[in-house]
């Protein structure tokens, strides 16, 4: 049943806006926590398990962080210019799963 105004006309629902803000905020908080956690764990792993020097491990972590920050921009450009949102996410997800399955021991 649709919502109607006083005069009997249907009211159009507006998508987005402040209703979606808590979800976007929570997503960003979780993403930032994950990035910080991965960065510190990577630093520890590179120095203790792979026996890298601290400077080389820090450089590797910085390069990883920079690459992780730039890839969404590349995906956004492809989605907006060529493929569209659905196909970009689908192809990126398939690519991610293939790479992940190849890297398992």
C-alpha atoms as a PDB file:
ATOM      1  CA  UNK A   1       0.000   0.000   0.000  1.00  0.00           C
ATOM      2  CA  UNK A   2       1.483   3.316  -1.086  1.00  0.00           C
ATOM      3  CA  UNK A   3       1.635   6.374   1.113  1.00  0.00           C
ATOM      4  CA  UNK A   4      -0.654   9.164  -0.074  1.00  0.00           C
ATOM      5  CA  UNK A   5      -0.894  12.907   0.553  1.00  0.00           C
ATOM      6  CA  UNK A   6      -3.980  14.641   1.877  1.00  0.00           C
ATOM      7  CA  UNK A   7      -5.247  15.229  -1.657  1.00  0.00           C
ATOM      8  CA  UNK A   8      -4.962  11.543  -2.625  1.00  0.00           C
ATOM      9  CA  UNK A   9      -1.824  11.726  -4.759  1.00  0.00           C
ATOM     10  CA  UNK A  10       0.859   9.099  -4.116  1.00  0.00           C
ATOM     11  CA  UNK A  11       4.019  10.278  -2.369  1.00  0.00           C
ATOM     12  CA  UNK A  12       7.270   9.381  -4.104  1.00  0.00           C
ATOM     13  CA  UNK A  13       9.830   7.828  -1.792  1.00  0.00           C
ATOM     14  CA  UNK A  14      13.231   9.473  -1.908  1.00  0.00           C
ATOM     15  CA  UNK A  15      16.175   7.071  -1.931  1.00  0.00           C
ATOM     16  CA  UNK A  16      19.393   7.869  -0.131  1.00  0.00           C
ATOM     17  CA  UNK A  17      19.846  10.987   1.922  1.00  0.00           C
ATOM     18  CA  UNK A  18      20.261  10.984   5.677  1.00  0.00           C
ATOM     19  CA  UNK A  19      18.660   7.546   6.038  1.00  0.00           C
ATOM     20  CA  UNK A  20      21.696   5.884   4.469  1.00  0.00           C
ATOM     21  CA  UNK A  21      24.261   8.000   6.345  1.00  0.00           C
ATOM     22  CA  UNK A  22      24.685   5.613   9.346  1.00  0.00           C
ATOM     23  CA  UNK A  23      25.438   2.714   6.974  1.00  0.00           C
ATOM     24  CA  UNK A  24      28.013   4.713   5.044  1.00  0.00           C
ATOM     25  CA  UNK A  25      29.613   5.943   8.268  1.00  0.00           C
ATOM     26  CA  UNK A  26      29.760   2.433   9.763  1.00  0.00           C
ATOM     27  CA  UNK A  27      31.251   1.073   6.530  1.00  0.00           C
ATOM     28  CA  UNK A  28      33.985   3.713   6.546  1.00  0.00           C
ATOM     29  CA  UNK A  29      34.814   3.100  10.207  1.00  0.00           C
ATOM     30  CA  UNK A  30      35.134  -0.652   9.619  1.00  0.00           C
ATOM     31  CA  UNK A  31      37.235  -0.102   6.507  1.00  0.00           C
ATOM     32  CA  UNK A  32      39.658   2.222   8.304  1.00  0.00           C
ATOM     33  CA  UNK A  33      40.015  -0.196  11.213  1.00  0.00           C
ATOM     34  CA  UNK A  34      40.756  -3.011   8.761  1.00  0.00           C
ATOM     35  CA  UNK A  35      43.392  -0.943   6.947  1.00  0.00           C
ATOM     36  CA  UNK A  36      45.146  -0.029  10.189  1.00  0.00           C
ATOM     37  CA  UNK A  37      45.026  -3.651  11.372  1.00  0.00           C
ATOM     38  CA  UNK A  38      46.389  -5.027   8.106  1.00  0.00           C
ATOM     39  CA  UNK A  39      49.146  -2.407   8.043  1.00  0.00           C
ATOM     40  CA  UNK A  40      50.408  -3.140  11.534  1.00  0.00           C
ATOM     41  CA  UNK A  41      50.117  -6.903  11.086  1.00  0.00           C
ATOM     42  CA  UNK A  42      51.920  -6.692   7.746  1.00  0.00           C
ATOM     43  CA  UNK A  43      54.739  -4.711   9.337  1.00  0.00           C
ATOM     44  CA  UNK A  44      55.120  -7.334  12.060  1.00  0.00           C
ATOM     45  CA  UNK A  45      54.923 -10.241   9.595  1.00  0.00           C
ATOM     46  CA  UNK A  46      57.482  -8.767   7.213  1.00  0.00           C
ATOM     47  CA  UNK A  47      60.026  -8.091   9.943  1.00  0.00           C
ATOM     48  CA  UNK A  48      59.588 -11.228  12.072  1.00  0.00           C
ATOM     49  CA  UNK A  49      58.611 -13.972   9.627  1.00  0.00           C
ATOM     50  CA  UNK A  50      60.260 -12.806   6.403  1.00  0.00           C
ATOM     51  CA  UNK A  51      63.237 -11.175   8.205  1.00  0.00           C
ATOM     52  CA  UNK A  52      63.071  -7.932   6.240  1.00  0.00           C
ATOM     53  CA  UNK A  53      64.795  -4.867   7.540  1.00  0.00           C
ATOM     54  CA  UNK A  54      62.511  -2.342   9.208  1.00  0.00           C
ATOM     55  CA  UNK A  55      62.983   0.233   6.436  1.00  0.00           C
ATOM     56  CA  UNK A  56      62.230  -2.250   3.652  1.00  0.00           C
ATOM     57  CA  UNK A  57      59.169  -3.545   5.546  1.00  0.00           C
ATOM     58  CA  UNK A  58      57.903   0.005   6.063  1.00  0.00           C
ATOM     59  CA  UNK A  59      58.416   0.761   2.367  1.00  0.00           C
ATOM     60  CA  UNK A  60      56.542  -2.419   1.370  1.00  0.00           C
ATOM     61  CA  UNK A  61      53.666  -1.581   3.726  1.00  0.00           C
ATOM     62  CA  UNK A  62      53.465   1.963   2.335  1.00  0.00           C
ATOM     63  CA  UNK A  63      53.444   0.667  -1.246  1.00  0.00           C
ATOM     64  CA  UNK A  64      50.672  -1.793  -0.368  1.00  0.00           C
ATOM     65  CA  UNK A  65      48.628   0.942   1.308  1.00  0.00           C
ATOM     66  CA  UNK A  66      49.039   3.292  -1.648  1.00  0.00           C
ATOM     67  CA  UNK A  67      48.056   0.602  -4.131  1.00  0.00           C
ATOM     68  CA  UNK A  68      45.017  -0.326  -2.034  1.00  0.00           C
ATOM     69  CA  UNK A  69      43.984   3.331  -1.962  1.00  0.00           C
ATOM     70  CA  UNK A  70      44.319   3.822  -5.734  1.00  0.00           C
ATOM     71  CA  UNK A  71      42.562   0.710  -7.016  1.00  0.00           C
ATOM     72  CA  UNK A  72      39.051   1.983  -6.115  1.00  0.00           C
ATOM     73  CA  UNK A  73      39.721   5.045  -8.281  1.00  0.00           C
ATOM     74  CA  UNK A  74      40.608   2.810 -11.212  1.00  0.00           C
ATOM     75  CA  UNK A  75      37.474   0.732 -10.630  1.00  0.00           C
ATOM     76  CA  UNK A  76      35.330   3.870 -10.423  1.00  0.00           C
ATOM     77  CA  UNK A  77      36.754   5.160 -13.698  1.00  0.00           C
ATOM     78  CA  UNK A  78      36.068   1.849 -15.445  1.00  0.00           C
ATOM     79  CA  UNK A  79      32.554   1.649 -13.994  1.00  0.00           C
ATOM     80  CA  UNK A  80      31.643   5.221 -14.945  1.00  0.00           C
ATOM     81  CA  UNK A  81      33.256   5.219 -18.384  1.00  0.00           C
ATOM     82  CA  UNK A  82      32.829   1.751 -19.799  1.00  0.00           C
ATOM     83  CA  UNK A  83      31.370  -1.208 -17.967  1.00  0.00           C
ATOM     84  CA  UNK A  84      28.831   0.047 -15.460  1.00  0.00           C
ATOM     85  CA  UNK A  85      28.631  -0.666 -11.756  1.00  0.00           C
ATOM     86  CA  UNK A  86      27.290  -4.227 -11.919  1.00  0.00           C
ATOM     87  CA  UNK A  87      29.830  -5.576 -14.415  1.00  0.00           C
ATOM     88  CA  UNK A  88      32.754  -3.829 -12.750  1.00  0.00           C
ATOM     89  CA  UNK A  89      31.904  -5.352  -9.364  1.00  0.00           C
ATOM     90  CA  UNK A  90      31.238  -8.768 -10.925  1.00  0.00           C
ATOM     91  CA  UNK A  91      34.522  -8.905 -12.846  1.00  0.00           C
ATOM     92  CA  UNK A  92      36.529  -7.533  -9.906  1.00  0.00           C
ATOM     93  CA  UNK A  93      34.980 -10.114  -7.561  1.00  0.00           C
ATOM     94  CA  UNK A  94      35.754 -12.971  -9.951  1.00  0.00           C
ATOM     95  CA  UNK A  95      39.314 -11.710 -10.380  1.00  0.00           C
ATOM     96  CA  UNK A  96      39.695 -11.462  -6.597  1.00  0.00           C
ATOM     97  CA  UNK A  97      38.471 -15.029  -6.098  1.00  0.00           C
ATOM     98  CA  UNK A  98      40.835 -16.375  -8.770  1.00  0.00           C
ATOM     99  CA  UNK A  99      43.841 -14.588  -7.254  1.00  0.00           C
ATOM    100  CA  UNK A 100      42.861 -15.708  -3.758  1.00  0.00           C
ATOM    101  CA  UNK A 101      42.492 -19.352  -4.838  1.00  0.00           C
ATOM    102  CA  UNK A 102      45.890 -19.277  -6.569  1.00  0.00           C
ATOM    103  CA  UNK A 103      47.624 -17.913  -3.478  1.00  0.00           C
ATOM    104  CA  UNK A 104      46.405 -20.661  -1.136  1.00  0.00           C
ATOM    105  CA  UNK A 105      49.111 -23.157  -0.094  1.00  0.00           C
END
